Amino acid sequence: MKKTLYIIFGGVLGVFVSIFIHAMIEEIILWQAAKTGTELKWTELFGKQACVLPLWLIILLPILGIIFGVFLGNYLFKKEKK
């Protein structure tokens, strides 16, 4: 039970970190575009223009966050058990 909680909380932490990284990347892109005056191509998500990141990156970031979180939870469980 304890290992399951470590993995779940690690996965949730990974998703939060991926959302933070997504926001930082998008902020940098928007700042750079405003500075240079370039026009951005917005990615449609659920029928609305929601993001300037490509769709593959929008999908990949949370998946990598979950994978990172599961490995982190497993690692921390093994470290705490010693």
N, C-alpha and C. Protein backbone atom coordinates (compact mmCIF):
# COMPACT_ATOMS: atom_id res chain seq x y z
N MET A 1 0.82 -1.19 0.00
CA MET A 1 0.00 0.00 0.00
C MET A 1 0.87 1.26 0.00
N LYS A 2 1.93 1.23 0.79
CA LYS A 2 2.79 2.40 0.88
C LYS A 2 3.50 2.66 -0.46
N LYS A 3 3.93 1.58 -1.10
CA LYS A 3 4.61 1.73 -2.40
C LYS A 3 3.65 2.32 -3.43
N THR A 4 2.40 1.88 -3.40
CA THR A 4 1.40 2.41 -4.33
C THR A 4 1.21 3.90 -4.13
N LEU A 5 1.14 4.34 -2.88
CA LEU A 5 1.00 5.76 -2.60
C LEU A 5 2.21 6.56 -3.08
N TYR A 6 3.39 6.02 -2.88
CA TYR A 6 4.60 6.69 -3.37
C TYR A 6 4.54 6.87 -4.88
N ILE A 7 4.12 5.83 -5.58
CA ILE A 7 4.07 5.90 -7.04
C ILE A 7 2.97 6.85 -7.50
N ILE A 8 1.81 6.82 -6.87
CA ILE A 8 0.72 7.72 -7.25
C ILE A 8 1.12 9.17 -7.00
N PHE A 9 1.65 9.46 -5.81
CA PHE A 9 2.05 10.83 -5.52
C PHE A 9 3.22 11.28 -6.40
N GLY A 10 4.10 10.36 -6.73
CA GLY A 10 5.18 10.69 -7.66
C GLY A 10 4.64 11.03 -9.04
N GLY A 11 3.64 10.26 -9.50
CA GLY A 11 3.02 10.53 -10.79
C GLY A 11 2.31 11.88 -10.81
N VAL A 12 1.62 12.20 -9.73
CA VAL A 12 0.94 13.50 -9.64
C VAL A 12 1.96 14.63 -9.64
N LEU A 13 3.04 14.45 -8.90
CA LEU A 13 4.11 15.45 -8.89
C LEU A 13 4.70 15.61 -10.29
N GLY A 14 4.89 14.50 -11.00
CA GLY A 14 5.40 14.55 -12.36
C GLY A 14 4.50 15.32 -13.29
N VAL A 15 3.18 15.15 -13.15
CA VAL A 15 2.23 15.90 -13.98
C VAL A 15 2.32 17.39 -13.66
N PHE A 16 2.40 17.74 -12.36
CA PHE A 16 2.53 19.15 -12.00
C PHE A 16 3.81 19.76 -12.56
N VAL A 17 4.90 19.02 -12.50
CA VAL A 17 6.17 19.52 -13.05
C VAL A 17 6.05 19.69 -14.56
N SER A 18 5.39 18.76 -15.23
CA SER A 18 5.25 18.87 -16.69
C SER A 18 4.38 20.07 -17.06
N ILE A 19 3.36 20.37 -16.26
CA ILE A 19 2.53 21.56 -16.52
C ILE A 19 3.37 22.82 -16.33
N PHE A 20 4.20 22.84 -15.31
CA PHE A 20 5.08 23.98 -15.08
C PHE A 20 6.05 24.16 -16.24
N ILE A 21 6.65 23.08 -16.70
CA ILE A 21 7.59 23.14 -17.83
C ILE A 21 6.86 23.61 -19.10
N HIS A 22 5.64 23.10 -19.32
CA HIS A 22 4.83 23.53 -20.46
C HIS A 22 4.61 25.04 -20.41
N ALA A 23 4.23 25.54 -19.25
CA ALA A 23 3.97 26.98 -19.11
C ALA A 23 5.23 27.79 -19.34
N MET A 24 6.36 27.33 -18.85
CA MET A 24 7.61 28.06 -19.03
C MET A 24 8.03 28.10 -20.50
N ILE A 25 7.91 26.97 -21.19
CA ILE A 25 8.26 26.93 -22.62
C ILE A 25 7.35 27.86 -23.41
N GLU A 26 6.06 27.81 -23.12
CA GLU A 26 5.12 28.67 -23.84
C GLU A 26 5.36 30.14 -23.53
N GLU A 27 5.69 30.45 -22.30
CA GLU A 27 5.99 31.84 -21.93
C GLU A 27 7.21 32.35 -22.69
N ILE A 28 8.23 31.53 -22.81
CA ILE A 28 9.43 31.92 -23.55
C ILE A 28 9.10 32.16 -25.02
N ILE A 29 8.30 31.26 -25.61
CA ILE A 29 7.93 31.42 -27.01
C ILE A 29 7.12 32.69 -27.22
N LEU A 30 6.14 32.94 -26.34
CA LEU A 30 5.31 34.14 -26.47
C LEU A 30 6.14 35.41 -26.27
N TRP A 31 7.03 35.39 -25.32
CA TRP A 31 7.89 36.55 -25.06
C TRP A 31 8.78 36.83 -26.27
N GLN A 32 9.36 35.78 -26.82
CA GLN A 32 10.24 35.92 -27.97
C GLN A 32 9.48 36.43 -29.19
N ALA A 33 8.26 35.93 -29.39
CA ALA A 33 7.45 36.37 -30.53
C ALA A 33 7.03 37.83 -30.37
N ALA A 34 6.71 38.23 -29.16
CA ALA A 34 6.34 39.63 -28.93
C ALA A 34 7.54 40.55 -29.14
N LYS A 35 8.70 40.07 -28.76
CA LYS A 35 9.92 40.87 -28.90
C LYS A 35 10.30 41.05 -30.37
N THR A 36 10.17 39.98 -31.16
CA THR A 36 10.58 40.04 -32.56
C THR A 36 9.44 40.41 -33.51
N GLY A 37 8.20 40.33 -33.02
CA GLY A 37 7.06 40.67 -33.85
C GLY A 37 6.65 39.58 -34.82
N THR A 38 7.03 38.35 -34.55
CA THR A 38 6.64 37.25 -35.42
C THR A 38 5.22 36.78 -35.10
N GLU A 39 4.57 36.26 -36.13
CA GLU A 39 3.22 35.74 -35.95
C GLU A 39 3.30 34.27 -35.57
N LEU A 40 2.50 33.87 -34.60
CA LEU A 40 2.54 32.50 -34.10
C LEU A 40 1.43 31.67 -34.70
N LYS A 41 1.70 30.37 -34.81
CA LYS A 41 0.67 29.43 -35.25
C LYS A 41 0.12 28.76 -33.98
N TRP A 42 -1.15 28.98 -33.71
CA TRP A 42 -1.79 28.42 -32.52
C TRP A 42 -2.26 27.01 -32.81
N THR A 43 -2.11 26.14 -31.84
CA THR A 43 -2.55 24.75 -31.95
C THR A 43 -3.96 24.64 -31.41
N GLU A 44 -4.83 24.00 -32.20
CA GLU A 44 -6.20 23.80 -31.74
C GLU A 44 -6.27 22.58 -30.84
N LEU A 45 -6.94 22.77 -29.73
CA LEU A 45 -7.13 21.68 -28.77
C LEU A 45 -8.59 21.72 -28.34
N PHE A 46 -9.32 20.64 -28.60
CA PHE A 46 -10.75 20.55 -28.31
C PHE A 46 -11.54 21.65 -29.01
N GLY A 47 -11.15 21.98 -30.24
CA GLY A 47 -11.87 22.95 -31.04
C GLY A 47 -11.56 24.40 -30.74
N LYS A 48 -10.61 24.65 -29.85
CA LYS A 48 -10.24 26.03 -29.52
C LYS A 48 -8.75 26.21 -29.70
N GLN A 49 -8.35 27.41 -30.09
CA GLN A 49 -6.93 27.71 -30.20
C GLN A 49 -6.41 27.95 -28.79
N ALA A 50 -5.63 26.99 -28.30
CA ALA A 50 -5.30 27.01 -26.89
C ALA A 50 -3.82 27.22 -26.59
N CYS A 51 -2.95 26.88 -27.53
CA CYS A 51 -1.55 26.81 -27.18
C CYS A 51 -0.67 27.06 -28.41
N VAL A 52 0.53 27.57 -28.18
CA VAL A 52 1.45 27.78 -29.30
C VAL A 52 2.41 26.60 -29.47
N LEU A 53 2.42 25.70 -28.52
CA LEU A 53 3.29 24.52 -28.65
C LEU A 53 2.69 23.55 -29.66
N PRO A 54 3.52 22.77 -30.33
CA PRO A 54 2.99 21.76 -31.24
C PRO A 54 2.22 20.67 -30.48
N LEU A 55 1.27 20.06 -31.16
CA LEU A 55 0.41 19.06 -30.52
C LEU A 55 1.21 17.91 -29.93
N TRP A 56 2.26 17.47 -30.62
CA TRP A 56 3.05 16.34 -30.10
C TRP A 56 3.71 16.70 -28.77
N LEU A 57 4.09 17.95 -28.59
CA LEU A 57 4.71 18.36 -27.33
C LEU A 57 3.67 18.51 -26.23
N ILE A 58 2.48 18.97 -26.60
CA ILE A 58 1.39 19.08 -25.63
C ILE A 58 1.05 17.71 -25.05
N ILE A 59 1.08 16.69 -25.88
CA ILE A 59 0.77 15.33 -25.45
C ILE A 59 1.96 14.68 -24.75
N LEU A 60 3.16 14.93 -25.25
CA LEU A 60 4.35 14.27 -24.72
C LEU A 60 4.74 14.73 -23.32
N LEU A 61 4.57 16.00 -23.02
CA LEU A 61 5.00 16.52 -21.71
C LEU A 61 4.30 15.83 -20.54
N PRO A 62 2.96 15.69 -20.52
CA PRO A 62 2.35 14.98 -19.39
C PRO A 62 2.73 13.51 -19.32
N ILE A 63 2.89 12.88 -20.48
CA ILE A 63 3.29 11.47 -20.48
C ILE A 63 4.66 11.32 -19.86
N LEU A 64 5.60 12.17 -20.26
CA LEU A 64 6.94 12.12 -19.66
C LEU A 64 6.90 12.47 -18.18
N GLY A 65 6.00 13.38 -17.80
CA GLY A 65 5.85 13.73 -16.38
C GLY A 65 5.38 12.55 -15.56
N ILE A 66 4.41 11.80 -16.09
CA ILE A 66 3.92 10.62 -15.37
C ILE A 66 5.01 9.56 -15.26
N ILE A 67 5.72 9.33 -16.35
CA ILE A 67 6.81 8.34 -16.33
C ILE A 67 7.88 8.75 -15.32
N PHE A 68 8.27 10.02 -15.35
CA PHE A 68 9.25 10.52 -14.39
C PHE A 68 8.74 10.34 -12.97
N GLY A 69 7.47 10.66 -12.73
CA GLY A 69 6.90 10.55 -11.39
C GLY A 69 6.85 9.13 -10.89
N VAL A 70 6.52 8.18 -11.74
CA VAL A 70 6.48 6.77 -11.34
C VAL A 70 7.88 6.30 -10.95
N PHE A 71 8.87 6.65 -11.77
CA PHE A 71 10.24 6.27 -11.43
C PHE A 71 10.71 6.96 -10.16
N LEU A 72 10.34 8.22 -9.98
CA LEU A 72 10.71 8.94 -8.76
C LEU A 72 10.06 8.30 -7.53
N GLY A 73 8.78 7.98 -7.62
CA GLY A 73 8.09 7.34 -6.50
C GLY A 73 8.70 6.00 -6.16
N ASN A 74 9.03 5.22 -7.16
CA ASN A 74 9.66 3.92 -6.95
C ASN A 74 11.04 4.09 -6.31
N TYR A 75 11.81 5.04 -6.81
CA TYR A 75 13.14 5.31 -6.27
C TYR A 75 13.08 5.76 -4.81
N LEU A 76 12.17 6.67 -4.51
CA LEU A 76 12.06 7.18 -3.15
C LEU A 76 11.55 6.10 -2.19
N PHE A 77 10.69 5.21 -2.68
CA PHE A 77 10.23 4.11 -1.83
C PHE A 77 11.40 3.19 -1.48
N LYS A 78 12.21 2.85 -2.49
CA LYS A 78 13.36 1.97 -2.23
C LYS A 78 14.36 2.65 -1.30
N LYS A 79 14.56 3.95 -1.48
CA LYS A 79 15.51 4.68 -0.63
C LYS A 79 15.00 4.77 0.80
N GLU A 80 13.71 4.96 0.99
CA GLU A 80 13.13 5.07 2.33
C GLU A 80 13.13 3.71 3.03
N LYS A 81 13.04 2.66 2.25
CA LYS A 81 12.98 1.30 2.82
C LYS A 81 14.33 0.87 3.40
N LYS A 82 15.43 1.43 2.88
CA LYS A 82 16.76 1.02 3.33
C LYS A 82 17.04 1.44 4.73
